[in-house]
């Protein structure tokens, strides 16, 4: 739930643990635990906290965005799913967006387009759309990504198909899409 700092202090009480400290404990636990289940649970919690804009500054300070970016390369599909969900939540903030873009975010996220996990693919497409800026447009609408979106636009999964069509129609130049279609038909 979206909150104000005053409301969080009121709900936490004067002897309770604050949001920053709680997120810090989660970040430390994620980095130090050896338990697969604990890692999954902690990353899921961090991804859930990433939806509330009041946490954006804390997450930057605690380098939680790096945890998410690093987790995109994990072999554990649950960790990847939680990580891309967290990034998707965080990238609507302008500062977070710049950070993600400058730290190989597009490369890491676009690599998820080959995942067999529907939720990962949907989050990756959504995140790429959220990351588009005048500076990042060329990288995000590269011929490789457009080609993948064209494949998705014929997918039997209606959710993936619809999101790919939105990506192609709303974020790509029609001439570029047509050029790639023609190239693939040769």
C-alpha atoms as a PDB file:
ATOM      1  CA  UNK A   1       0.000   0.000   0.000  1.00  0.00           C
ATOM      2  CA  UNK A   2       1.320   3.443  -0.854  1.00  0.00           C
ATOM      3  CA  UNK A   3       2.195   5.346   2.301  1.00  0.00           C
ATOM      4  CA  UNK A   4       3.755   8.497   3.563  1.00  0.00           C
ATOM      5  CA  UNK A   5       6.745   8.497   5.874  1.00  0.00           C
ATOM      6  CA  UNK A   6       4.566   9.969   8.617  1.00  0.00           C
ATOM      7  CA  UNK A   7       2.026   7.153   8.238  1.00  0.00           C
ATOM      8  CA  UNK A   8       4.776   4.526   8.336  1.00  0.00           C
ATOM      9  CA  UNK A   9       6.191   5.983  11.548  1.00  0.00           C
ATOM     10  CA  UNK A  10       2.714   6.062  13.066  1.00  0.00           C
ATOM     11  CA  UNK A  11       2.026   2.426  12.108  1.00  0.00           C
ATOM     12  CA  UNK A  12       5.460   1.201  13.194  1.00  0.00           C
ATOM     13  CA  UNK A  13       5.422   2.735  16.657  1.00  0.00           C
ATOM     14  CA  UNK A  14       8.380   4.210  18.437  1.00  0.00           C
ATOM     15  CA  UNK A  15       9.891   0.840  19.406  1.00  0.00           C
ATOM     16  CA  UNK A  16       9.247  -0.943  16.105  1.00  0.00           C
ATOM     17  CA  UNK A  17      11.750  -1.525  13.354  1.00  0.00           C
ATOM     18  CA  UNK A  18      11.604   1.079  10.606  1.00  0.00           C
ATOM     19  CA  UNK A  19      11.188   0.376   6.910  1.00  0.00           C
ATOM     20  CA  UNK A  20      14.824   1.184   6.054  1.00  0.00           C
ATOM     21  CA  UNK A  21      16.131  -1.135   8.773  1.00  0.00           C
ATOM     22  CA  UNK A  22      13.753  -3.897   7.742  1.00  0.00           C
ATOM     23  CA  UNK A  23      14.834  -3.652   4.097  1.00  0.00           C
ATOM     24  CA  UNK A  24      18.454  -3.628   5.237  1.00  0.00           C
ATOM     25  CA  UNK A  25      17.888  -6.839   7.201  1.00  0.00           C
ATOM     26  CA  UNK A  26      16.280  -8.456   4.157  1.00  0.00           C
ATOM     27  CA  UNK A  27      19.178  -7.411   1.898  1.00  0.00           C
ATOM     28  CA  UNK A  28      21.713  -8.794   4.373  1.00  0.00           C
ATOM     29  CA  UNK A  29      19.791 -12.036   4.735  1.00  0.00           C
ATOM     30  CA  UNK A  30      19.586 -12.454   0.965  1.00  0.00           C
ATOM     31  CA  UNK A  31      23.339 -11.995   0.610  1.00  0.00           C
ATOM     32  CA  UNK A  32      24.297 -14.272   3.497  1.00  0.00           C
ATOM     33  CA  UNK A  33      21.798 -17.120   3.564  1.00  0.00           C
ATOM     34  CA  UNK A  34      22.691 -20.501   2.128  1.00  0.00           C
ATOM     35  CA  UNK A  35      19.083 -21.677   2.112  1.00  0.00           C
ATOM     36  CA  UNK A  36      17.401 -21.765  -1.311  1.00  0.00           C
ATOM     37  CA  UNK A  37      13.958 -21.342   0.253  1.00  0.00           C
ATOM     38  CA  UNK A  38      15.070 -18.382   2.379  1.00  0.00           C
ATOM     39  CA  UNK A  39      16.639 -16.684  -0.662  1.00  0.00           C
ATOM     40  CA  UNK A  40      13.406 -17.108  -2.613  1.00  0.00           C
ATOM     41  CA  UNK A  41      11.269 -15.810   0.243  1.00  0.00           C
ATOM     42  CA  UNK A  42      13.520 -12.799   0.882  1.00  0.00           C
ATOM     43  CA  UNK A  43      13.693 -11.834  -2.799  1.00  0.00           C
ATOM     44  CA  UNK A  44       9.894 -12.151  -3.041  1.00  0.00           C
ATOM     45  CA  UNK A  45       9.572  -9.797  -0.066  1.00  0.00           C
ATOM     46  CA  UNK A  46      12.002  -7.305  -1.608  1.00  0.00           C
ATOM     47  CA  UNK A  47      10.077  -7.395  -4.893  1.00  0.00           C
ATOM     48  CA  UNK A  48       6.851  -6.705  -3.006  1.00  0.00           C
ATOM     49  CA  UNK A  49       8.401  -3.704  -1.254  1.00  0.00           C
ATOM     50  CA  UNK A  50       9.591  -2.403  -4.642  1.00  0.00           C
ATOM     51  CA  UNK A  51       6.065  -1.404  -5.670  1.00  0.00           C
ATOM     52  CA  UNK A  52       5.788   1.385  -3.080  1.00  0.00           C
ATOM     53  CA  UNK A  53       7.524   4.622  -4.163  1.00  0.00           C
ATOM     54  CA  UNK A  54       8.344   5.436  -0.534  1.00  0.00           C
ATOM     55  CA  UNK A  55      10.852   2.558  -0.657  1.00  0.00           C
ATOM     56  CA  UNK A  56      12.683   3.654  -3.822  1.00  0.00           C
ATOM     57  CA  UNK A  57      15.297   5.747  -2.000  1.00  0.00           C
ATOM     58  CA  UNK A  58      15.895   3.025   0.582  1.00  0.00           C
ATOM     59  CA  UNK A  59      16.314   0.438  -2.130  1.00  0.00           C
ATOM     60  CA  UNK A  60      18.882   2.592  -3.908  1.00  0.00           C
ATOM     61  CA  UNK A  61      20.806   3.216  -0.671  1.00  0.00           C
ATOM     62  CA  UNK A  62      20.813  -0.485   0.173  1.00  0.00           C
ATOM     63  CA  UNK A  63      21.806  -1.494  -3.382  1.00  0.00           C
ATOM     64  CA  UNK A  64      18.747  -3.716  -3.703  1.00  0.00           C
ATOM     65  CA  UNK A  65      18.510  -2.838  -7.394  1.00  0.00           C
ATOM     66  CA  UNK A  66      21.886  -4.564  -7.792  1.00  0.00           C
ATOM     67  CA  UNK A  67      20.524  -7.622  -6.014  1.00  0.00           C
ATOM     68  CA  UNK A  68      17.663  -7.735  -8.508  1.00  0.00           C
ATOM     69  CA  UNK A  69      19.952  -7.210 -11.509  1.00  0.00           C
ATOM     70  CA  UNK A  70      22.382  -9.898 -10.301  1.00  0.00           C
ATOM     71  CA  UNK A  71      19.524 -12.318  -9.668  1.00  0.00           C
ATOM     72  CA  UNK A  72      18.379 -12.111 -13.304  1.00  0.00           C
ATOM     73  CA  UNK A  73      21.273 -14.442 -14.168  1.00  0.00           C
ATOM     74  CA  UNK A  74      20.387 -17.089 -11.580  1.00  0.00           C
ATOM     75  CA  UNK A  75      19.525 -20.643 -12.630  1.00  0.00           C
ATOM     76  CA  UNK A  76      16.627 -20.623 -10.159  1.00  0.00           C
ATOM     77  CA  UNK A  77      13.493 -19.553 -12.071  1.00  0.00           C
ATOM     78  CA  UNK A  78      11.768 -18.353  -8.894  1.00  0.00           C
ATOM     79  CA  UNK A  79      14.631 -15.968  -8.142  1.00  0.00           C
ATOM     80  CA  UNK A  80      14.606 -14.694 -11.725  1.00  0.00           C
ATOM     81  CA  UNK A  81      10.837 -14.201 -11.576  1.00  0.00           C
ATOM     82  CA  UNK A  82      11.017 -12.250  -8.309  1.00  0.00           C
ATOM     83  CA  UNK A  83      13.999 -10.213  -9.545  1.00  0.00           C
ATOM     84  CA  UNK A  84      12.352  -9.129 -12.799  1.00  0.00           C
ATOM     85  CA  UNK A  85       9.174  -8.351 -10.855  1.00  0.00           C
ATOM     86  CA  UNK A  86      11.153  -6.122  -8.504  1.00  0.00           C
ATOM     87  CA  UNK A  87      12.873  -4.343 -11.382  1.00  0.00           C
ATOM     88  CA  UNK A  88       9.548  -3.898 -13.150  1.00  0.00           C
ATOM     89  CA  UNK A  89       8.169  -2.265 -10.000  1.00  0.00           C
ATOM     90  CA  UNK A  90      11.202  -0.024  -9.493  1.00  0.00           C
ATOM     91  CA  UNK A  91      11.824   1.160 -13.039  1.00  0.00           C
ATOM     92  CA  UNK A  92       8.905   3.578 -13.111  1.00  0.00           C
ATOM     93  CA  UNK A  93      11.015   5.911 -10.972  1.00  0.00           C
ATOM     94  CA  UNK A  94      13.249   8.148 -13.120  1.00  0.00           C
ATOM     95  CA  UNK A  95      16.365   7.689 -10.950  1.00  0.00           C
ATOM     96  CA  UNK A  96      15.925   3.920 -10.788  1.00  0.00           C
ATOM     97  CA  UNK A  97      15.318   3.789 -14.546  1.00  0.00           C
ATOM     98  CA  UNK A  98      18.614   5.559 -15.248  1.00  0.00           C
ATOM     99  CA  UNK A  99      20.448   3.265 -12.832  1.00  0.00           C
ATOM    100  CA  UNK A 100      19.005   0.133 -14.419  1.00  0.00           C
ATOM    101  CA  UNK A 101      19.804   1.365 -17.929  1.00  0.00           C
ATOM    102  CA  UNK A 102      23.401   2.243 -16.981  1.00  0.00           C
ATOM    103  CA  UNK A 103      23.998  -1.142 -15.349  1.00  0.00           C
ATOM    104  CA  UNK A 104      23.359  -3.440 -18.317  1.00  0.00           C
ATOM    105  CA  UNK A 105      19.663  -3.623 -17.547  1.00  0.00           C
ATOM    106  CA  UNK A 106      18.472  -3.870 -21.141  1.00  0.00           C
ATOM    107  CA  UNK A 107      20.927  -6.662 -21.930  1.00  0.00           C
ATOM    108  CA  UNK A 108      20.012  -8.617 -18.801  1.00  0.00           C
ATOM    109  CA  UNK A 109      16.271  -8.099 -19.227  1.00  0.00           C
ATOM    110  CA  UNK A 110      16.164  -8.821 -22.954  1.00  0.00           C
ATOM    111  CA  UNK A 111      17.968 -12.128 -22.322  1.00  0.00           C
ATOM    112  CA  UNK A 112      14.847 -13.186 -20.380  1.00  0.00           C
ATOM    113  CA  UNK A 113      12.743 -13.023 -23.561  1.00  0.00           C
ATOM    114  CA  UNK A 114      13.867 -16.580 -24.300  1.00  0.00           C
ATOM    115  CA  UNK A 115      12.547 -17.896 -20.986  1.00  0.00           C
ATOM    116  CA  UNK A 116       9.949 -20.655 -20.975  1.00  0.00           C
ATOM    117  CA  UNK A 117       8.311 -19.062 -17.926  1.00  0.00           C
ATOM    118  CA  UNK A 118       5.286 -16.963 -18.939  1.00  0.00           C
ATOM    119  CA  UNK A 119       5.523 -14.621 -15.952  1.00  0.00           C
ATOM    120  CA  UNK A 120       9.190 -13.904 -16.601  1.00  0.00           C
ATOM    121  CA  UNK A 121       8.524 -13.115 -20.272  1.00  0.00           C
ATOM    122  CA  UNK A 122       5.558 -10.871 -19.445  1.00  0.00           C
ATOM    123  CA  UNK A 123       7.541  -8.979 -16.821  1.00  0.00           C
ATOM    124  CA  UNK A 124      10.528  -8.645 -19.153  1.00  0.00           C
ATOM    125  CA  UNK A 125       8.405  -7.175 -21.961  1.00  0.00           C
ATOM    126  CA  UNK A 126       6.643  -4.803 -19.552  1.00  0.00           C
ATOM    127  CA  UNK A 127       9.931  -3.723 -18.013  1.00  0.00           C
ATOM    128  CA  UNK A 128      11.481  -3.020 -21.402  1.00  0.00           C
ATOM    129  CA  UNK A 129       8.505  -0.809 -22.253  1.00  0.00           C
ATOM    130  CA  UNK A 130       8.842   1.048 -18.939  1.00  0.00           C
ATOM    131  CA  UNK A 131      12.573   1.580 -19.567  1.00  0.00           C
ATOM    132  CA  UNK A 132      12.153   3.288 -22.918  1.00  0.00           C
ATOM    133  CA  UNK A 133      13.506   6.818 -22.960  1.00  0.00           C
ATOM    134  CA  UNK A 134      14.736   8.875 -25.905  1.00  0.00           C
ATOM    135  CA  UNK A 135      18.255   7.678 -25.017  1.00  0.00           C
ATOM    136  CA  UNK A 136      17.402   3.983 -24.552  1.00  0.00           C
ATOM    137  CA  UNK A 137      14.881   3.591 -27.386  1.00  0.00           C
ATOM    138  CA  UNK A 138      17.442   2.426 -29.952  1.00  0.00           C
ATOM    139  CA  UNK A 139      18.803  -0.309 -27.684  1.00  0.00           C
ATOM    140  CA  UNK A 140      15.364  -1.483 -26.527  1.00  0.00           C
ATOM    141  CA  UNK A 141      13.921  -1.507 -30.041  1.00  0.00           C
ATOM    142  CA  UNK A 142      16.925  -3.234 -31.570  1.00  0.00           C
ATOM    143  CA  UNK A 143      16.340  -5.566 -34.489  1.00  0.00           C
ATOM    144  CA  UNK A 144      16.885  -8.596 -32.211  1.00  0.00           C
ATOM    145  CA  UNK A 145      14.223  -7.470 -29.759  1.00  0.00           C
ATOM    146  CA  UNK A 146      11.794  -6.483 -32.521  1.00  0.00           C
ATOM    147  CA  UNK A 147      12.313  -9.892 -34.123  1.00  0.00           C
ATOM    148  CA  UNK A 148      11.505 -11.587 -30.815  1.00  0.00           C
ATOM    149  CA  UNK A 149       8.393  -9.416 -30.380  1.00  0.00           C
ATOM    150  CA  UNK A 150       7.266 -10.366 -33.871  1.00  0.00           C
ATOM    151  CA  UNK A 151       7.578 -14.023 -32.877  1.00  0.00           C
ATOM    152  CA  UNK A 152       5.614 -13.316 -29.698  1.00  0.00           C
ATOM    153  CA  UNK A 153       2.931 -11.495 -31.697  1.00  0.00           C
ATOM    154  CA  UNK A 154       2.019 -14.878 -33.210  1.00  0.00           C
ATOM    155  CA  UNK A 155       2.234 -16.764 -29.910  1.00  0.00           C
ATOM    156  CA  UNK A 156      -0.624 -18.993 -28.779  1.00  0.00           C
ATOM    157  CA  UNK A 157      -0.381 -17.435 -25.333  1.00  0.00           C
ATOM    158  CA  UNK A 158      -2.784 -14.510 -25.630  1.00  0.00           C
ATOM    159  CA  UNK A 159      -1.154 -12.517 -22.812  1.00  0.00           C
ATOM    160  CA  UNK A 160       2.293 -12.675 -24.402  1.00  0.00           C
ATOM    161  CA  UNK A 161       0.821 -12.080 -27.865  1.00  0.00           C
ATOM    162  CA  UNK A 162      -1.114  -8.975 -26.776  1.00  0.00           C
ATOM    163  CA  UNK A 163       1.804  -7.461 -24.887  1.00  0.00           C
ATOM    164  CA  UNK A 164       4.148  -8.034 -27.841  1.00  0.00           C
ATOM    165  CA  UNK A 165       1.668  -6.347 -30.173  1.00  0.00           C
ATOM    166  CA  UNK A 166       1.475  -3.352 -27.827  1.00  0.00           C
ATOM    167  CA  UNK A 167       5.280  -3.199 -27.748  1.00  0.00           C
ATOM    168  CA  UNK A 168       5.486  -3.273 -31.554  1.00  0.00           C
ATOM    169  CA  UNK A 169       2.662  -0.778 -32.124  1.00  0.00           C
ATOM    170  CA  UNK A 170       3.429   1.708 -29.359  1.00  0.00           C
ATOM    171  CA  UNK A 171       7.209   1.666 -29.034  1.00  0.00           C
ATOM    172  CA  UNK A 172       8.665   0.663 -32.396  1.00  0.00           C
ATOM    173  CA  UNK A 173       8.894   2.535 -35.661  1.00  0.00           C
ATOM    174  CA  UNK A 174       6.532   0.888 -38.172  1.00  0.00           C
ATOM    175  CA  UNK A 175       9.183   1.152 -40.895  1.00  0.00           C
ATOM    176  CA  UNK A 176      11.709  -0.707 -38.720  1.00  0.00           C
ATOM    177  CA  UNK A 177       9.191  -3.464 -37.951  1.00  0.00           C
ATOM    178  CA  UNK A 178       8.363  -3.831 -41.660  1.00  0.00           C
ATOM    179  CA  UNK A 179      12.055  -3.952 -42.582  1.00  0.00           C
ATOM    180  CA  UNK A 180      12.624  -6.798 -40.112  1.00  0.00           C
ATOM    181  CA  UNK A 181       9.513  -8.641 -41.340  1.00  0.00           C
ATOM    182  CA  UNK A 182      10.762  -8.423 -44.928  1.00  0.00           C
ATOM    183  CA  UNK A 183      14.249  -9.520 -43.941  1.00  0.00           C
ATOM    184  CA  UNK A 184      12.872 -12.569 -42.100  1.00  0.00           C
ATOM    185  CA  UNK A 185      10.643 -13.577 -45.024  1.00  0.00           C
ATOM    186  CA  UNK A 186      13.599 -13.817 -47.406  1.00  0.00           C
END
